C-alpha atoms as a PDB file:
ATOM      1  CA  MET A   1     -76.829  50.674  10.936  1.00  0.00           C
ATOM      2  CA  SER A   2     -76.087  51.117  14.636  1.00  0.00           C
ATOM      3  CA  GLU A   3     -73.240  53.272  15.947  1.00  0.00           C
ATOM      4  CA  ARG A   4     -71.403  50.062  16.960  1.00  0.00           C
ATOM      5  CA  GLU A   5     -71.435  48.784  13.365  1.00  0.00           C
ATOM      6  CA  ALA A   6     -70.507  52.071  11.716  1.00  0.00           C
ATOM      7  CA  PRO A   7     -66.888  52.417  10.514  1.00  0.00           C
ATOM      8  CA  ASP A   8     -64.770  54.999  12.296  1.00  0.00           C
ATOM      9  CA  PHE A   9     -63.621  57.771   9.945  1.00  0.00           C
ATOM     10  CA  SER A  10     -62.251  59.999  12.711  1.00  0.00           C
ATOM     11  CA  GLU A  11     -59.322  62.221  11.897  1.00  0.00           C
ATOM     12  CA  THR A  12     -56.456  63.055  14.303  1.00  0.00           C
ATOM     13  CA  THR A  13     -55.236  66.636  14.709  1.00  0.00           C
ATOM     14  CA  LEU A  14     -51.469  66.826  14.139  1.00  0.00           C
ATOM     15  CA  SER A  15     -51.176  70.593  14.395  1.00  0.00           C
ATOM     16  CA  SER A  16     -53.485  73.591  14.668  1.00  0.00           C
ATOM     17  CA  GLU A  17     -53.029  77.257  13.807  1.00  0.00           C
ATOM     18  CA  VAL A  18     -55.377  80.215  14.192  1.00  0.00           C
ATOM     19  CA  VAL A  19     -54.823  82.112  10.929  1.00  0.00           C
ATOM     20  CA  PHE A  20     -57.266  84.892  11.727  1.00  0.00           C
ATOM     21  CA  ARG A  21     -58.837  86.046  14.992  1.00  0.00           C
ATOM     22  CA  GLY A  22     -61.692  88.540  14.707  1.00  0.00           C
ATOM     23  CA  LYS A  23     -64.146  90.054  17.137  1.00  0.00           C
ATOM     24  CA  LEU A  24     -66.667  87.272  16.577  1.00  0.00           C
ATOM     25  CA  LEU A  25     -64.950  84.511  14.557  1.00  0.00           C
ATOM     26  CA  SER A  26     -61.639  82.787  14.212  1.00  0.00           C
ATOM     27  CA  VAL A  27     -60.340  80.929  11.175  1.00  0.00           C
ATOM     28  CA  VAL A  28     -58.376  77.818  12.019  1.00  0.00           C
ATOM     29  CA  SER A  29     -56.146  75.636   9.842  1.00  0.00           C
ATOM     30  CA  ASP A  30     -55.450  72.143  11.123  1.00  0.00           C
ATOM     31  CA  ARG A  31     -53.131  69.493   9.715  1.00  0.00           C
ATOM     32  CA  VAL A  32     -54.832  66.105  10.248  1.00  0.00           C
ATOM     33  CA  LEU A  33     -54.054  62.424   9.951  1.00  0.00           C
ATOM     34  CA  LEU A  34     -56.750  60.583   8.028  1.00  0.00           C
ATOM     35  CA  PRO A  35     -57.871  57.037   8.967  1.00  0.00           C
ATOM     36  CA  ASP A  36     -56.059  55.669   5.909  1.00  0.00           C
ATOM     37  CA  GLY A  37     -52.705  57.171   7.058  1.00  0.00           C
ATOM     38  CA  ALA A  38     -52.699  60.118   4.613  1.00  0.00           C
ATOM     39  CA  GLU A  39     -52.420  63.741   5.851  1.00  0.00           C
ATOM     40  CA  SER A  40     -54.697  66.596   4.909  1.00  0.00           C
ATOM     41  CA  ILE A  41     -55.557  70.187   5.858  1.00  0.00           C
ATOM     42  CA  ARG A  42     -58.847  71.150   7.479  1.00  0.00           C
ATOM     43  CA  GLU A  43     -59.787  74.851   7.484  1.00  0.00           C
ATOM     44  CA  TYR A  44     -62.791  75.981   9.484  1.00  0.00           C
ATOM     45  CA  ILE A  45     -64.397  78.891  11.248  1.00  0.00           C
ATOM     46  CA  HIS A  46     -64.580  78.763  15.016  1.00  0.00           C
ATOM     47  CA  HIS A  47     -67.871  80.330  16.226  1.00  0.00           C
ATOM     48  CA  PRO A  48     -68.940  80.794  19.880  1.00  0.00           C
ATOM     49  CA  GLY A  49     -72.409  79.316  19.207  1.00  0.00           C
ATOM     50  CA  ALA A  50     -75.815  80.897  19.295  1.00  0.00           C
ATOM     51  CA  SER A  51     -79.336  80.506  20.663  1.00  0.00           C
ATOM     52  CA  MET A  52     -82.483  80.932  18.555  1.00  0.00           C
ATOM     53  CA  VAL A  53     -86.058  81.343  19.820  1.00  0.00           C
ATOM     54  CA  LEU A  54     -89.396  80.163  18.577  1.00  0.00           C
ATOM     55  CA  ALA A  55     -91.337  82.889  20.389  1.00  0.00           C
ATOM     56  CA  PHE A  56     -95.014  81.899  20.233  1.00  0.00           C
ATOM     57  CA  VAL A  57     -97.343  84.946  20.536  1.00  0.00           C
ATOM     58  CA  ASP A  58    -100.188  82.453  20.460  1.00  0.00           C
ATOM     59  CA  ALA A  59    -100.600  78.811  19.280  1.00  0.00           C
ATOM     60  CA  HIS A  60    -100.167  79.752  15.607  1.00  0.00           C
ATOM     61  CA  THR A  61     -98.114  83.017  15.590  1.00  0.00           C
ATOM     62  CA  LEU A  62     -94.415  83.678  16.010  1.00  0.00           C
ATOM     63  CA  LEU A  63     -92.267  86.720  16.455  1.00  0.00           C
ATOM     64  CA  LEU A  64     -89.932  87.296  13.541  1.00  0.00           C
ATOM     65  CA  ALA A  65     -87.221  89.900  12.886  1.00  0.00           C
ATOM     66  CA  ARG A  66     -86.200  91.654   9.701  1.00  0.00           C
ATOM     67  CA  GLN A  67     -82.657  92.978   9.523  1.00  0.00           C
ATOM     68  CA  PHE A  68     -79.879  93.858   7.159  1.00  0.00           C
ATOM     69  CA  ARG A  69     -77.074  91.286   6.834  1.00  0.00           C
ATOM     70  CA  TYR A  70     -73.897  92.805   5.479  1.00  0.00           C
ATOM     71  CA  PRO A  71     -72.207  89.766   3.853  1.00  0.00           C
ATOM     72  CA  LEU A  72     -75.096  89.442   1.353  1.00  0.00           C
ATOM     73  CA  ARG A  73     -75.956  93.174   1.476  1.00  0.00           C
ATOM     74  CA  ARG A  74     -79.700  92.653   1.877  1.00  0.00           C
ATOM     75  CA  HIS A  75     -82.460  92.322   4.439  1.00  0.00           C
ATOM     76  CA  PHE A  76     -83.470  88.927   5.815  1.00  0.00           C
ATOM     77  CA  ILE A  77     -86.439  87.631   7.784  1.00  0.00           C
ATOM     78  CA  GLU A  78     -85.177  85.626  10.754  1.00  0.00           C
ATOM     79  CA  LEU A  79     -86.165  84.248  14.115  1.00  0.00           C
ATOM     80  CA  PRO A  80     -84.817  85.984  17.201  1.00  0.00           C
ATOM     81  CA  ALA A  81     -81.311  84.765  17.842  1.00  0.00           C
ATOM     82  CA  GLY A  82     -77.936  85.772  19.133  1.00  0.00           C
ATOM     83  CA  LYS A  83     -74.416  84.780  19.945  1.00  0.00           C
ATOM     84  CA  ILE A  84     -73.588  82.963  23.169  1.00  0.00           C
ATOM     85  CA  ASP A  85     -71.259  85.076  25.261  1.00  0.00           C
ATOM     86  CA  PRO A  86     -68.221  83.407  26.918  1.00  0.00           C
ATOM     87  CA  GLY A  87     -69.384  81.414  29.972  1.00  0.00           C
ATOM     88  CA  GLU A  88     -73.078  82.163  29.258  1.00  0.00           C
ATOM     89  CA  ASP A  89     -75.650  79.425  29.462  1.00  0.00           C
ATOM     90  CA  PRO A  90     -77.459  79.049  26.083  1.00  0.00           C
ATOM     91  CA  LEU A  91     -80.873  79.440  27.767  1.00  0.00           C
ATOM     92  CA  ASP A  92     -79.710  82.746  29.250  1.00  0.00           C
ATOM     93  CA  THR A  93     -78.649  83.801  25.740  1.00  0.00           C
ATOM     94  CA  ALA A  94     -82.127  82.963  24.419  1.00  0.00           C
ATOM     95  CA  ARG A  95     -83.770  84.930  27.250  1.00  0.00           C
ATOM     96  CA  ARG A  96     -81.457  87.894  26.654  1.00  0.00           C
ATOM     97  CA  GLU A  97     -82.047  87.947  22.925  1.00  0.00           C
ATOM     98  CA  LEU A  98     -85.851  87.693  23.261  1.00  0.00           C
ATOM     99  CA  ARG A  99     -85.717  90.704  25.626  1.00  0.00           C
ATOM    100  CA  GLU A 100     -83.164  92.755  23.695  1.00  0.00           C
ATOM    101  CA  GLU A 101     -84.379  92.106  20.156  1.00  0.00           C
ATOM    102  CA  CYS A 102     -88.100  91.693  20.682  1.00  0.00           C
ATOM    103  CA  GLY A 103     -88.905  93.376  23.985  1.00  0.00           C
ATOM    104  CA  TYR A 104     -90.499  90.236  25.493  1.00  0.00           C
ATOM    105  CA  GLU A 105     -89.973  87.880  28.420  1.00  0.00           C
ATOM    106  CA  ALA A 106     -91.440  84.408  28.422  1.00  0.00           C
ATOM    107  CA  GLY A 107     -93.136  82.449  31.218  1.00  0.00           C
ATOM    108  CA  GLU A 108     -92.363  79.105  29.607  1.00  0.00           C
ATOM    109  CA  TRP A 109     -89.074  77.936  28.105  1.00  0.00           C
ATOM    110  CA  ARG A 110     -88.137  74.588  26.575  1.00  0.00           C
ATOM    111  CA  HIS A 111     -85.001  73.417  24.770  1.00  0.00           C
ATOM    112  CA  LEU A 112     -85.964  71.808  21.493  1.00  0.00           C
ATOM    113  CA  ALA A 113     -82.797  70.892  19.600  1.00  0.00           C
ATOM    114  CA  THR A 114     -79.179  71.614  18.792  1.00  0.00           C
ATOM    115  CA  LEU A 115     -78.495  72.565  15.210  1.00  0.00           C
ATOM    116  CA  HIS A 116     -75.192  72.551  13.325  1.00  0.00           C
ATOM    117  CA  PRO A 117     -75.694  74.883  10.332  1.00  0.00           C
ATOM    118  CA  GLY A 118     -72.419  74.443   8.417  1.00  0.00           C
ATOM    119  CA  ILE A 119     -70.621  71.253   9.410  1.00  0.00           C
ATOM    120  CA  GLY A 120     -68.263  71.419   6.454  1.00  0.00           C
ATOM    121  CA  TYR A 121     -66.720  74.792   7.402  1.00  0.00           C
ATOM    122  CA  THR A 122     -67.702  75.792  10.963  1.00  0.00           C
ATOM    123  CA  ASP A 123     -68.012  74.398  14.456  1.00  0.00           C
ATOM    124  CA  GLU A 124     -71.017  76.680  15.109  1.00  0.00           C
ATOM    125  CA  ARG A 125     -73.947  75.234  17.018  1.00  0.00           C
ATOM    126  CA  ILE A 126     -77.366  76.822  17.490  1.00  0.00           C
ATOM    127  CA  GLU A 127     -79.489  75.945  20.493  1.00  0.00           C
ATOM    128  CA  LEU A 128     -83.174  76.106  19.571  1.00  0.00           C
ATOM    129  CA  TYR A 129     -85.654  77.104  22.297  1.00  0.00           C
ATOM    130  CA  LEU A 130     -89.389  77.409  22.444  1.00  0.00           C
ATOM    131  CA  ALA A 131     -90.770  80.378  24.382  1.00  0.00           C
ATOM    132  CA  ARG A 132     -94.463  80.810  25.372  1.00  0.00           C
ATOM    133  CA  ASP A 133     -96.544  82.960  27.662  1.00  0.00           C
ATOM    134  CA  LEU A 134     -94.949  86.122  26.347  1.00  0.00           C
ATOM    135  CA  GLU A 135     -95.124  89.443  28.169  1.00  0.00           C
ATOM    136  CA  HIS A 136     -94.056  92.676  26.461  1.00  0.00           C
ATOM    137  CA  VAL A 137     -91.527  94.492  28.666  1.00  0.00           C
ATOM    138  CA  GLY A 138     -89.883  96.866  26.118  1.00  0.00           C
ATOM    139  CA  HIS A 139     -86.859  96.664  23.778  1.00  0.00           C
ATOM    140  CA  ALA A 140     -83.240  96.815  24.945  1.00  0.00           C
ATOM    141  CA  LEU A 141     -81.400  96.678  21.585  1.00  0.00           C
ATOM    142  CA  ASP A 142     -77.599  96.684  21.569  1.00  0.00           C
ATOM    143  CA  ALA A 143     -75.918  99.811  20.141  1.00  0.00           C
ATOM    144  CA  GLY A 144     -75.939  99.619  16.359  1.00  0.00           C
ATOM    145  CA  GLU A 145     -78.529  96.814  16.317  1.00  0.00           C
ATOM    146  CA  LEU A 146     -81.274  97.876  13.920  1.00  0.00           C
ATOM    147  CA  LEU A 147     -84.185  95.542  13.226  1.00  0.00           C
ATOM    148  CA  GLU A 148     -87.928  95.340  12.829  1.00  0.00           C
ATOM    149  CA  VAL A 149     -89.776  92.779  14.952  1.00  0.00           C
ATOM    150  CA  PHE A 150     -93.291  91.643  13.943  1.00  0.00           C
ATOM    151  CA  PRO A 151     -95.727  88.808  14.631  1.00  0.00           C
ATOM    152  CA  LEU A 152     -96.551  86.475  11.743  1.00  0.00           C
ATOM    153  CA  SER A 153     -98.738  83.413  11.533  1.00  0.00           C
ATOM    154  CA  ILE A 154     -96.867  80.178  10.999  1.00  0.00           C
ATOM    155  CA  GLY A 155     -98.992  79.571   7.912  1.00  0.00           C
ATOM    156  CA  GLU A 156     -98.000  82.870   6.371  1.00  0.00           C
ATOM    157  CA  ALA A 157     -94.367  82.354   7.353  1.00  0.00           C
ATOM    158  CA  LEU A 158     -94.403  78.986   5.593  1.00  0.00           C
ATOM    159  CA  GLU A 159     -95.857  80.637   2.484  1.00  0.00           C
ATOM    160  CA  TRP A 160     -93.048  83.213   2.608  1.00  0.00           C
ATOM    161  CA  LEU A 161     -90.627  80.303   2.812  1.00  0.00           C
ATOM    162  CA  ARG A 162     -92.211  78.676  -0.252  1.00  0.00           C
ATOM    163  CA  GLN A 163     -92.053  82.002  -2.115  1.00  0.00           C
ATOM    164  CA  GLY A 164     -88.378  82.513  -1.286  1.00  0.00           C
ATOM    165  CA  ARG A 165     -89.007  85.536   0.941  1.00  0.00           C
ATOM    166  CA  ILE A 166     -87.489  83.622   3.880  1.00  0.00           C
ATOM    167  CA  THR A 167     -84.224  81.943   2.962  1.00  0.00           C
ATOM    168  CA  GLU A 168     -82.048  82.169   6.048  1.00  0.00           C
ATOM    169  CA  ALA A 169     -81.272  78.549   7.037  1.00  0.00           C
ATOM    170  CA  LYS A 170     -81.848  78.690  10.793  1.00  0.00           C
ATOM    171  CA  ALA A 171     -85.183  80.454  10.246  1.00  0.00           C
ATOM    172  CA  VAL A 172     -86.217  77.818   7.701  1.00  0.00           C
ATOM    173  CA  THR A 173     -85.389  75.056  10.149  1.00  0.00           C
ATOM    174  CA  GLY A 174     -87.116  76.858  13.018  1.00  0.00           C
ATOM    175  CA  LEU A 175     -90.296  77.528  11.050  1.00  0.00           C
ATOM    176  CA  LEU A 176     -90.591  73.880   9.975  1.00  0.00           C
ATOM    177  CA  TRP A 177     -90.151  72.884  13.597  1.00  0.00           C
ATOM    178  CA  ALA A 178     -92.735  75.476  14.697  1.00  0.00           C
ATOM    179  CA  ASP A 179     -95.228  74.151  12.174  1.00  0.00           C
ATOM    180  CA  LYS A 180     -94.925  70.645  13.654  1.00  0.00           C
ATOM    181  CA  LEU A 181     -95.323  72.020  17.199  1.00  0.00           C
ATOM    182  CA  SER A 182     -98.353  74.189  16.309  1.00  0.00           C
ATOM    183  CA  ARG A 183    -100.075  71.142  14.758  1.00  0.00           C
ATOM    184  CA  GLY A 184     -99.337  69.018  17.830  1.00  0.00           C
ATOM    185  CA  GLU A 185     -97.170  66.610  15.883  1.00  0.00           C
ATOM    186  CA  TRP A 186     -94.012  67.146  17.951  1.00  0.00           C
ATOM    187  CA  GLY A 187     -95.010  67.362  21.630  1.00  0.00           C
END
C-alpha cells in the first residue's frame, strides 16, 4: 500500500498540559480529537532525543559500555549513547559521547538511521551513527557518570544477545545493524 492509498488516522490536539517537568523528561497530557469525531486523552513522555554510536574498533569489534540503570536497579550492556543537548546537532552529540564515555575520537562518521524506541508513550528519537578510524584520546566522563567501556566482537555480542545478557533495546537494534554492516550486507 502506498502512502497515497493509506487511510489518514491523524489525531488533532485540542489542548495540551505538561503535568510533570523534570530535569530530563516531561510528562504531557493532551486532549485529542480522533478521526471518527470522538475525543480521547494521550499521555506521553517528552524526551530531548539521543545519539548512539556503533564505534568500530576494527571491522568486527565494537566498543560497548556497562553501566547501572536505576529504574531497573541493575547493570546493562549498551552502546555508547547520550542525550542531545538543546540546540546541539545530533552528530555533535555522538562525537561528544564517544569522547566522554569511551575516550575516543573517530576519523569517519556516518549517520545510519533514526530510531523511535517507544512510539506508544514517548516522542524520543535516537540518531544512530557509525564511527570508524578510532583514536584513543582519554576519557572525559561527566560528574557522577560511572561506567566500564570494553571492546567486544560483534559475534560475541550477538551471542550475549541470544543468551539474554544484552537486553537494552537500542543496543539490540544497534548490534543487529552492526552485524549487517560487518558482513557487508548494508553498505
